[in-house]
Amino acid sequence: MRKLIIGLLVLAGLVVVVDFGVAAYTEYRVSRTLRDGADLSADPEVTIHGFPFFAQALDGRFETVDIRASAKRPDLPGEIALEATLTGVHLELGDLSDGRVRNIPVERVSTRMRIEPTELGRLFGIPDLQVHSRPADKSDGSGGSGGSGMTTAGALVLTGTLPEQTGGTAAPFGDGESEKVSVMADLLLDGDQVRIVATGMYKGTPADATPTAVIPEAERPAVLERFTRTIDTEELPFGVRPTEAFALGGQIVVEGRGENVTIDLDRLGIGRR
């Protein structure tokens, strides 16, 4: 009886090892397929959740698959973080592992694009740019849409040091020096575009920011323009349209969701139509 129990335990251990091994190999194959199809600079991280893996493979339905990758775009500095969570993935194991299939039916898909603080600073030309959320303090009576099809995604405070202009004669403070300033801004989702629109000078101080300078009235329009940008999402991973944008931990996060859709593995990278 003791030998039988030991034998069963060893067999169970081998089954677990083999199950995890096959799952890891499949994740690797999917990662390589995604990299080649989306022309990424590195293998994306692929995690197939659920145990045992073989049970899902035999059923042809994988409960949850998480994908994380980084991609470069010519209109944005640095790399953009891409994420996707696929729920209810219908696919045969052989097709998944050898890359024969490019289009995969899924019950639900949730995708995200994250722009890190460093990339935001480069985009604005303000290296020390900080992004803070603030409570919305106004309403235009349009349900947050601005009456133009745009969805108000959040109210922000942007803080950063505006560099002195060439020759030191056009600094935004009129004294030839560079100082840190804070502005209020609206984060808007306008179709496939994320708009960060500076609306006024911020008189308070964000909790984790240093005190900022007071800007002369005549110089404020130029300062607000420096803190205003439009980012074209060019679709999220797998062609999902954006439905929400918000600030989180200094990042700008754009999300999109879909149900009962067929995703194209070649469209993990942004803008691959």
C-alpha atoms as a PDB file:
ATOM      1  CA  MET A   1       0.000   0.000   0.000  1.00  0.00           C
ATOM      2  CA  ARG A   2       2.827   2.393   0.849  1.00  0.00           C
ATOM      3  CA  LYS A   3       4.510   1.726  -2.495  1.00  0.00           C
ATOM      4  CA  LEU A   4       1.185   2.246  -4.263  1.00  0.00           C
ATOM      5  CA  ILE A   5       0.646   5.612  -2.551  1.00  0.00           C
ATOM      6  CA  ILE A   6       4.203   6.708  -3.320  1.00  0.00           C
ATOM      7  CA  GLY A   7       3.764   5.636  -6.914  1.00  0.00           C
ATOM      8  CA  LEU A   8       0.525   7.596  -7.256  1.00  0.00           C
ATOM      9  CA  LEU A   9       2.129  10.678  -5.751  1.00  0.00           C
ATOM     10  CA  VAL A  10       5.063  10.418  -8.156  1.00  0.00           C
ATOM     11  CA  LEU A  11       2.667   9.959 -11.068  1.00  0.00           C
ATOM     12  CA  ALA A  12       0.617  12.968  -9.973  1.00  0.00           C
ATOM     13  CA  GLY A  13       3.784  15.021  -9.715  1.00  0.00           C
ATOM     14  CA  LEU A  14       4.843  14.004 -13.201  1.00  0.00           C
ATOM     15  CA  VAL A  15       1.420  14.916 -14.572  1.00  0.00           C
ATOM     16  CA  VAL A  16       1.669  18.372 -12.994  1.00  0.00           C
ATOM     17  CA  VAL A  17       5.189  18.884 -14.347  1.00  0.00           C
ATOM     18  CA  VAL A  18       4.170  17.792 -17.836  1.00  0.00           C
ATOM     19  CA  ASP A  19       1.043  19.973 -17.694  1.00  0.00           C
ATOM     20  CA  PHE A  20       3.030  23.054 -16.734  1.00  0.00           C
ATOM     21  CA  GLY A  21       5.703  22.207 -19.292  1.00  0.00           C
ATOM     22  CA  VAL A  22       3.224  21.974 -22.164  1.00  0.00           C
ATOM     23  CA  ALA A  23       1.527  25.175 -21.000  1.00  0.00           C
ATOM     24  CA  ALA A  24       4.882  26.990 -20.898  1.00  0.00           C
ATOM     25  CA  TYR A  25       5.813  25.766 -24.376  1.00  0.00           C
ATOM     26  CA  THR A  26       2.432  26.857 -25.728  1.00  0.00           C
ATOM     27  CA  GLU A  27       2.853  30.289 -24.151  1.00  0.00           C
ATOM     28  CA  TYR A  28       6.259  30.550 -25.829  1.00  0.00           C
ATOM     29  CA  ARG A  29       4.855  29.586 -29.233  1.00  0.00           C
ATOM     30  CA  VAL A  30       2.012  32.086 -28.913  1.00  0.00           C
ATOM     31  CA  SER A  31       4.477  34.772 -27.851  1.00  0.00           C
ATOM     32  CA  ARG A  32       6.644  34.170 -30.924  1.00  0.00           C
ATOM     33  CA  THR A  33       3.586  34.200 -33.170  1.00  0.00           C
ATOM     34  CA  LEU A  34       2.450  37.529 -31.725  1.00  0.00           C
ATOM     35  CA  ARG A  35       5.909  39.052 -32.055  1.00  0.00           C
ATOM     36  CA  ASP A  36       6.306  38.035 -35.679  1.00  0.00           C
ATOM     37  CA  GLY A  37       2.781  39.043 -36.684  1.00  0.00           C
ATOM     38  CA  ALA A  38       2.813  42.418 -34.922  1.00  0.00           C
ATOM     39  CA  ASP A  39       6.476  43.201 -35.744  1.00  0.00           C
ATOM     40  CA  LEU A  40       7.399  43.813 -32.100  1.00  0.00           C
ATOM     41  CA  SER A  41      10.942  44.422 -30.886  1.00  0.00           C
ATOM     42  CA  ALA A  42      10.710  41.730 -28.184  1.00  0.00           C
ATOM     43  CA  ASP A  43       8.627  38.688 -27.295  1.00  0.00           C
ATOM     44  CA  PRO A  44       5.430  39.686 -25.488  1.00  0.00           C
ATOM     45  CA  GLU A  45       4.628  38.095 -22.140  1.00  0.00           C
ATOM     46  CA  VAL A  46       1.867  35.491 -22.519  1.00  0.00           C
ATOM     47  CA  THR A  47       0.199  33.769 -19.550  1.00  0.00           C
ATOM     48  CA  ILE A  48      -2.437  31.067 -19.983  1.00  0.00           C
ATOM     49  CA  HIS A  49      -4.352  30.775 -16.721  1.00  0.00           C
ATOM     50  CA  GLY A  50      -6.167  27.723 -15.407  1.00  0.00           C
ATOM     51  CA  PHE A  51      -5.207  24.231 -14.281  1.00  0.00           C
ATOM     52  CA  PRO A  52      -5.021  21.657 -15.619  1.00  0.00           C
ATOM     53  CA  PHE A  53      -3.913  23.016 -18.959  1.00  0.00           C
ATOM     54  CA  PHE A  54      -4.685  19.744 -20.752  1.00  0.00           C
ATOM     55  CA  ALA A  55      -8.351  19.896 -19.733  1.00  0.00           C
ATOM     56  CA  GLN A  56      -8.724  23.305 -21.366  1.00  0.00           C
ATOM     57  CA  ALA A  57      -6.801  22.192 -24.433  1.00  0.00           C
ATOM     58  CA  LEU A  58      -8.966  19.114 -24.906  1.00  0.00           C
ATOM     59  CA  ASP A  59     -12.089  21.221 -24.492  1.00  0.00           C
ATOM     60  CA  GLY A  60     -10.845  23.738 -27.050  1.00  0.00           C
ATOM     61  CA  ARG A  61     -11.636  26.623 -24.705  1.00  0.00           C
ATOM     62  CA  PHE A  62      -9.089  28.510 -22.609  1.00  0.00           C
ATOM     63  CA  GLU A  63     -10.568  30.428 -19.687  1.00  0.00           C
ATOM     64  CA  THR A  64      -8.193  33.427 -19.531  1.00  0.00           C
ATOM     65  CA  VAL A  65      -5.105  34.513 -21.456  1.00  0.00           C
ATOM     66  CA  ASP A  66      -3.108  37.602 -20.453  1.00  0.00           C
ATOM     67  CA  ILE A  67      -0.782  39.342 -22.904  1.00  0.00           C
ATOM     68  CA  ARG A  68       1.693  42.142 -22.182  1.00  0.00           C
ATOM     69  CA  ALA A  69       3.961  43.772 -24.726  1.00  0.00           C
ATOM     70  CA  SER A  70       5.818  46.964 -25.599  1.00  0.00           C
ATOM     71  CA  ALA A  71       5.628  48.716 -28.942  1.00  0.00           C
ATOM     72  CA  LYS A  72       7.167  51.750 -30.617  1.00  0.00           C
ATOM     73  CA  ARG A  73       5.309  54.365 -32.622  1.00  0.00           C
ATOM     74  CA  PRO A  74       6.771  57.109 -34.803  1.00  0.00           C
ATOM     75  CA  ASP A  75       4.481  59.780 -33.313  1.00  0.00           C
ATOM     76  CA  LEU A  76       5.195  58.974 -29.651  1.00  0.00           C
ATOM     77  CA  PRO A  77       8.571  58.861 -27.901  1.00  0.00           C
ATOM     78  CA  GLY A  78       9.903  55.743 -26.231  1.00  0.00           C
ATOM     79  CA  GLU A  79       7.786  52.597 -25.956  1.00  0.00           C
ATOM     80  CA  ILE A  80       4.088  52.217 -25.218  1.00  0.00           C
ATOM     81  CA  ALA A  81       2.938  49.401 -22.933  1.00  0.00           C
ATOM     82  CA  LEU A  82       0.203  47.221 -24.416  1.00  0.00           C
ATOM     83  CA  GLU A  83      -1.967  44.785 -22.467  1.00  0.00           C
ATOM     84  CA  ALA A  84      -4.806  42.431 -23.362  1.00  0.00           C
ATOM     85  CA  THR A  85      -6.927  40.025 -21.344  1.00  0.00           C
ATOM     86  CA  LEU A  86      -8.763  37.415 -23.395  1.00  0.00           C
ATOM     87  CA  THR A  87     -11.606  35.492 -21.743  1.00  0.00           C
ATOM     88  CA  GLY A  88     -13.194  32.403 -23.266  1.00  0.00           C
ATOM     89  CA  VAL A  89     -10.647  31.754 -26.023  1.00  0.00           C
ATOM     90  CA  HIS A  90     -11.927  29.105 -28.466  1.00  0.00           C
ATOM     91  CA  LEU A  91      -9.026  27.336 -30.134  1.00  0.00           C
ATOM     92  CA  GLU A  92      -7.632  23.856 -30.634  1.00  0.00           C
ATOM     93  CA  LEU A  93      -4.279  23.151 -28.989  1.00  0.00           C
ATOM     94  CA  GLY A  94      -2.562  22.171 -32.237  1.00  0.00           C
ATOM     95  CA  ASP A  95      -3.603  25.379 -33.965  1.00  0.00           C
ATOM     96  CA  LEU A  96      -2.512  27.453 -30.964  1.00  0.00           C
ATOM     97  CA  SER A  97       0.950  25.947 -30.647  1.00  0.00           C
ATOM     98  CA  ASP A  98       2.059  25.816 -34.262  1.00  0.00           C
ATOM     99  CA  GLY A  99       0.730  29.192 -35.387  1.00  0.00           C
ATOM    100  CA  ARG A 100      -1.548  27.926 -38.169  1.00  0.00           C
ATOM    101  CA  VAL A 101      -4.465  30.102 -37.064  1.00  0.00           C
ATOM    102  CA  ARG A 102      -4.353  33.911 -37.117  1.00  0.00           C
ATOM    103  CA  ASN A 103      -7.993  34.688 -36.256  1.00  0.00           C
ATOM    104  CA  ILE A 104      -9.317  33.495 -32.884  1.00  0.00           C
ATOM    105  CA  PRO A 105     -12.878  33.759 -31.494  1.00  0.00           C
ATOM    106  CA  VAL A 106     -13.042  35.089 -27.926  1.00  0.00           C
ATOM    107  CA  GLU A 107     -16.000  35.685 -25.650  1.00  0.00           C
ATOM    108  CA  ARG A 108     -14.570  38.853 -24.104  1.00  0.00           C
ATOM    109  CA  VAL A 109     -11.513  41.000 -24.717  1.00  0.00           C
ATOM    110  CA  SER A 110     -10.164  43.849 -22.611  1.00  0.00           C
ATOM    111  CA  THR A 111      -7.216  45.846 -23.947  1.00  0.00           C
ATOM    112  CA  ARG A 112      -5.121  48.678 -22.545  1.00  0.00           C
ATOM    113  CA  MET A 113      -2.471  51.137 -23.686  1.00  0.00           C
ATOM    114  CA  ARG A 114      -0.290  52.726 -20.991  1.00  0.00           C
ATOM    115  CA  ILE A 115       1.866  55.790 -21.538  1.00  0.00           C
ATOM    116  CA  GLU A 116       4.451  56.052 -18.773  1.00  0.00           C
ATOM    117  CA  PRO A 117       5.425  59.366 -17.098  1.00  0.00           C
ATOM    118  CA  THR A 118       8.823  59.388 -18.831  1.00  0.00           C
ATOM    119  CA  GLU A 119       7.223  59.091 -22.280  1.00  0.00           C
ATOM    120  CA  LEU A 120       4.635  61.732 -21.375  1.00  0.00           C
ATOM    121  CA  GLY A 121       7.438  64.104 -20.401  1.00  0.00           C
ATOM    122  CA  ARG A 122       9.156  63.544 -23.722  1.00  0.00           C
ATOM    123  CA  LEU A 123       5.877  64.029 -25.593  1.00  0.00           C
ATOM    124  CA  PHE A 124       5.260  67.390 -23.919  1.00  0.00           C
ATOM    125  CA  GLY A 125       8.910  68.417 -24.043  1.00  0.00           C
ATOM    126  CA  ILE A 126       8.798  68.742 -20.247  1.00  0.00           C
ATOM    127  CA  PRO A 127      11.206  66.130 -18.795  1.00  0.00           C
ATOM    128  CA  ASP A 128       9.959  66.388 -15.201  1.00  0.00           C
ATOM    129  CA  LEU A 129       6.247  66.343 -16.104  1.00  0.00           C
ATOM    130  CA  GLN A 130       4.008  64.965 -13.353  1.00  0.00           C
ATOM    131  CA  VAL A 131       0.373  63.913 -13.820  1.00  0.00           C
ATOM    132  CA  HIS A 132      -2.069  64.057 -10.914  1.00  0.00           C
ATOM    133  CA  SER A 133      -5.782  63.362 -10.779  1.00  0.00           C
ATOM    134  CA  ARG A 134      -8.083  65.972  -9.283  1.00  0.00           C
ATOM    135  CA  PRO A 135     -11.805  65.939  -8.475  1.00  0.00           C
ATOM    136  CA  ALA A 136     -13.983  67.196 -11.310  1.00  0.00           C
ATOM    137  CA  ASP A 137     -15.233  70.598 -10.282  1.00  0.00           C
ATOM    138  CA  LYS A 138     -17.477  71.664 -13.135  1.00  0.00           C
ATOM    139  CA  SER A 139     -20.320  70.455 -15.298  1.00  0.00           C
ATOM    140  CA  ASP A 140     -21.414  71.748 -18.679  1.00  0.00           C
ATOM    141  CA  GLY A 141     -24.848  70.145 -18.518  1.00  0.00           C
ATOM    142  CA  SER A 142     -24.014  67.697 -21.317  1.00  0.00           C
ATOM    143  CA  GLY A 143     -23.421  64.654 -19.189  1.00  0.00           C
ATOM    144  CA  GLY A 144     -19.667  65.077 -19.393  1.00  0.00           C
ATOM    145  CA  SER A 145     -19.595  65.025 -23.186  1.00  0.00           C
ATOM    146  CA  GLY A 146     -18.969  68.698 -23.848  1.00  0.00           C
ATOM    147  CA  GLY A 147     -21.808  68.504 -26.394  1.00  0.00           C
ATOM    148  CA  SER A 148     -19.394  67.463 -29.164  1.00  0.00           C
ATOM    149  CA  GLY A 149     -19.207  63.688 -28.911  1.00  0.00           C
ATOM    150  CA  MET A 150     -16.230  63.855 -26.567  1.00  0.00           C
ATOM    151  CA  THR A 151     -16.292  61.958 -23.286  1.00  0.00           C
ATOM    152  CA  THR A 152     -14.757  63.665 -20.272  1.00  0.00           C
ATOM    153  CA  ALA A 153     -12.412  61.029 -18.915  1.00  0.00           C
ATOM    154  CA  GLY A 154     -10.945  62.937 -16.009  1.00  0.00           C
ATOM    155  CA  ALA A 155      -9.727  66.167 -14.494  1.00  0.00           C
ATOM    156  CA  LEU A 156      -5.955  66.455 -14.164  1.00  0.00           C
ATOM    157  CA  VAL A 157      -3.254  68.622 -12.683  1.00  0.00           C
ATOM    158  CA  LEU A 158      -0.085  68.750 -14.780  1.00  0.00           C
ATOM    159  CA  THR A 159       3.105  69.976 -13.119  1.00  0.00           C
ATOM    160  CA  GLY A 160       6.476  70.533 -14.752  1.00  0.00           C
ATOM    161  CA  THR A 161       9.334  72.901 -15.468  1.00  0.00           C
ATOM    162  CA  LEU A 162       9.081  74.801 -18.721  1.00  0.00           C
ATOM    163  CA  PRO A 163      12.567  75.201 -20.175  1.00  0.00           C
ATOM    164  CA  GLU A 164      13.912  78.644 -21.015  1.00  0.00           C
ATOM    165  CA  GLN A 165      13.598  79.524 -24.686  1.00  0.00           C
ATOM    166  CA  THR A 166      16.614  80.104 -26.940  1.00  0.00           C
ATOM    167  CA  GLY A 167      18.521  83.196 -25.905  1.00  0.00           C
ATOM    168  CA  GLY A 168      16.759  83.408 -22.559  1.00  0.00           C
ATOM    169  CA  THR A 169      14.390  86.118 -23.811  1.00  0.00           C
ATOM    170  CA  ALA A 170      11.156  84.180 -24.164  1.00  0.00           C
ATOM    171  CA  ALA A 171      10.846  82.255 -20.943  1.00  0.00           C
ATOM    172  CA  PRO A 172       7.176  82.007 -19.869  1.00  0.00           C
ATOM    173  CA  PHE A 173       7.876  84.029 -16.747  1.00  0.00           C
ATOM    174  CA  GLY A 174       9.332  87.103 -18.381  1.00  0.00           C
ATOM    175  CA  ASP A 175      12.495  87.001 -16.249  1.00  0.00           C
ATOM    176  CA  GLY A 176      14.657  84.660 -18.311  1.00  0.00           C
ATOM    177  CA  GLU A 177      14.384  81.824 -15.777  1.00  0.00           C
ATOM    178  CA  SER A 178      12.797  78.399 -15.794  1.00  0.00           C
ATOM    179  CA  GLU A 179      10.364  77.588 -13.003  1.00  0.00           C
ATOM    180  CA  LYS A 180       7.952  74.820 -12.148  1.00  0.00           C
ATOM    181  CA  VAL A 181       4.276  75.484 -12.922  1.00  0.00           C
ATOM    182  CA  SER A 182       1.008  73.623 -12.437  1.00  0.00           C
ATOM    183  CA  VAL A 183      -2.030  73.737 -14.717  1.00  0.00           C
ATOM    184  CA  MET A 184      -5.508  72.267 -14.667  1.00  0.00           C
ATOM    185  CA  ALA A 185      -6.304  70.019 -17.619  1.00  0.00           C
ATOM    186  CA  ASP A 186      -9.164  67.925 -18.952  1.00  0.00           C
ATOM    187  CA  LEU A 187      -8.560  64.389 -20.176  1.00  0.00           C
ATOM    188  CA  LEU A 188     -10.957  63.776 -23.071  1.00  0.00           C
ATOM    189  CA  LEU A 189     -11.685  60.722 -25.202  1.00  0.00           C
ATOM    190  CA  ASP A 190     -12.728  61.893 -28.670  1.00  0.00           C
ATOM    191  CA  GLY A 191     -13.290  58.840 -30.858  1.00  0.00           C
ATOM    192  CA  ASP A 192      -9.868  57.252 -31.305  1.00  0.00           C
ATOM    193  CA  GLN A 193      -8.094  60.299 -29.920  1.00  0.00           C
ATOM    194  CA  VAL A 194      -7.110  61.110 -26.348  1.00  0.00           C
ATOM    195  CA  ARG A 195      -6.964  64.860 -25.788  1.00  0.00           C
ATOM    196  CA  ILE A 196      -5.176  66.492 -22.867  1.00  0.00           C
ATOM    197  CA  VAL A 197      -6.379  70.088 -22.824  1.00  0.00           C
ATOM    198  CA  ALA A 198      -4.953  72.592 -20.332  1.00  0.00           C
ATOM    199  CA  THR A 199      -7.765  74.865 -19.137  1.00  0.00           C
ATOM    200  CA  GLY A 200      -6.202  77.168 -16.551  1.00  0.00           C
ATOM    201  CA  MET A 201      -3.516  77.704 -13.971  1.00  0.00           C
ATOM    202  CA  TYR A 202      -3.728  75.526 -10.873  1.00  0.00           C
ATOM    203  CA  LYS A 203      -3.573  77.576  -7.686  1.00  0.00           C
ATOM    204  CA  GLY A 204      -3.215  74.695  -5.273  1.00  0.00           C
ATOM    205  CA  THR A 205      -0.359  72.240  -4.836  1.00  0.00           C
ATOM    206  CA  PRO A 206      -0.709  68.507  -5.584  1.00  0.00           C
ATOM    207  CA  ALA A 207       0.031  66.360  -2.555  1.00  0.00           C
ATOM    208  CA  ASP A 208       3.354  65.100  -3.883  1.00  0.00           C
ATOM    209  CA  ALA A 209       4.472  68.191  -5.821  1.00  0.00           C
ATOM    210  CA  THR A 210       6.589  71.188  -4.868  1.00  0.00           C
ATOM    211  CA  PRO A 211       5.102  74.724  -4.826  1.00  0.00           C
ATOM    212  CA  THR A 212       4.827  76.227  -8.287  1.00  0.00           C
ATOM    213  CA  ALA A 213       5.343  79.668  -9.781  1.00  0.00           C
ATOM    214  CA  VAL A 214       2.709  82.325 -10.397  1.00  0.00           C
ATOM    215  CA  ILE A 215       2.426  83.076 -14.127  1.00  0.00           C
ATOM    216  CA  PRO A 216       1.664  86.613 -15.380  1.00  0.00           C
ATOM    217  CA  GLU A 217      -1.725  86.895 -17.080  1.00  0.00           C
ATOM    218  CA  ALA A 218      -0.220  87.752 -20.464  1.00  0.00           C
ATOM    219  CA  GLU A 219       1.948  84.629 -20.463  1.00  0.00           C
ATOM    220  CA  ARG A 220      -0.738  82.128 -19.475  1.00  0.00           C
ATOM    221  CA  PRO A 221      -2.071  81.229 -22.980  1.00  0.00           C
ATOM    222  CA  ALA A 222       1.424  80.181 -24.106  1.00  0.00           C
ATOM    223  CA  VAL A 223       1.913  78.109 -20.957  1.00  0.00           C
ATOM    224  CA  LEU A 224      -1.446  76.356 -21.386  1.00  0.00           C
ATOM    225  CA  GLU A 225      -0.568  75.547 -24.985  1.00  0.00           C
ATOM    226  CA  ARG A 226       2.610  73.812 -23.830  1.00  0.00           C
ATOM    227  CA  PHE A 227       0.528  71.539 -21.603  1.00  0.00           C
ATOM    228  CA  THR A 228      -1.973  70.611 -24.340  1.00  0.00           C
ATOM    229  CA  ARG A 229      -1.566  67.536 -26.547  1.00  0.00           C
ATOM    230  CA  THR A 230      -3.611  65.114 -28.677  1.00  0.00           C
ATOM    231  CA  ILE A 231      -2.699  61.426 -28.782  1.00  0.00           C
ATOM    232  CA  ASP A 232      -4.115  59.217 -31.541  1.00  0.00           C
ATOM    233  CA  THR A 233      -4.609  55.684 -30.183  1.00  0.00           C
ATOM    234  CA  GLU A 234      -4.806  54.273 -33.746  1.00  0.00           C
ATOM    235  CA  GLU A 235      -6.923  51.514 -32.226  1.00  0.00           C
ATOM    236  CA  LEU A 236      -5.925  49.459 -29.215  1.00  0.00           C
ATOM    237  CA  PRO A 237      -4.465  45.926 -29.434  1.00  0.00           C
ATOM    238  CA  PHE A 238      -6.401  43.573 -31.723  1.00  0.00           C
ATOM    239  CA  GLY A 239      -8.328  46.450 -33.305  1.00  0.00           C
ATOM    240  CA  VAL A 240     -10.439  47.176 -30.214  1.00  0.00           C
ATOM    241  CA  ARG A 241     -11.831  50.705 -30.084  1.00  0.00           C
ATOM    242  CA  PRO A 242     -11.076  52.779 -26.967  1.00  0.00           C
ATOM    243  CA  THR A 243     -13.941  53.239 -24.512  1.00  0.00           C
ATOM    244  CA  GLU A 244     -12.241  54.849 -21.505  1.00  0.00           C
ATOM    245  CA  ALA A 245      -9.194  56.953 -20.630  1.00  0.00           C
ATOM    246  CA  PHE A 246      -7.910  57.907 -17.207  1.00  0.00           C
ATOM    247  CA  ALA A 247      -4.794  58.820 -15.228  1.00  0.00           C
ATOM    248  CA  LEU A 248      -3.261  56.214 -12.915  1.00  0.00           C
ATOM    249  CA  GLY A 249       0.016  56.507 -11.039  1.00  0.00           C
ATOM    250  CA  GLY A 250       1.288  59.229 -13.354  1.00  0.00           C
ATOM    251  CA  GLN A 251       0.361  57.190 -16.440  1.00  0.00           C
ATOM    252  CA  ILE A 252      -2.282  57.864 -19.056  1.00  0.00           C
ATOM    253  CA  VAL A 253      -4.251  54.634 -19.524  1.00  0.00           C
ATOM    254  CA  VAL A 254      -6.586  54.011 -22.464  1.00  0.00           C
ATOM    255  CA  GLU A 255      -8.886  50.982 -22.328  1.00  0.00           C
ATOM    256  CA  GLY A 256     -11.219  49.231 -24.707  1.00  0.00           C
ATOM    257  CA  ARG A 257     -13.551  46.234 -24.417  1.00  0.00           C
ATOM    258  CA  GLY A 258     -15.407  43.902 -26.720  1.00  0.00           C
ATOM    259  CA  GLU A 259     -17.632  40.827 -26.490  1.00  0.00           C
ATOM    260  CA  ASN A 260     -18.002  37.846 -28.824  1.00  0.00           C
ATOM    261  CA  VAL A 261     -15.395  39.057 -31.289  1.00  0.00           C
ATOM    262  CA  THR A 262     -12.762  37.426 -33.483  1.00  0.00           C
ATOM    263  CA  ILE A 263      -9.299  38.858 -32.910  1.00  0.00           C
ATOM    264  CA  ASP A 264      -6.465  38.988 -35.437  1.00  0.00           C
ATOM    265  CA  LEU A 265      -3.153  37.959 -33.857  1.00  0.00           C
ATOM    266  CA  ASP A 266      -1.300  40.239 -36.276  1.00  0.00           C
ATOM    267  CA  ARG A 267      -2.981  43.290 -34.738  1.00  0.00           C
ATOM    268  CA  LEU A 268      -1.466  43.239 -31.270  1.00  0.00           C
ATOM    269  CA  GLY A 269       0.654  46.264 -32.197  1.00  0.00           C
ATOM    270  CA  ILE A 270      -1.067  49.651 -32.287  1.00  0.00           C
ATOM    271  CA  GLY A 271      -2.147  50.913 -35.662  1.00  0.00           C
ATOM    272  CA  ARG A 272      -1.671  47.647 -37.599  1.00  0.00           C
ATOM    273  CA  ARG A 273      -4.892  47.821 -39.607  1.00  0.00           C
END
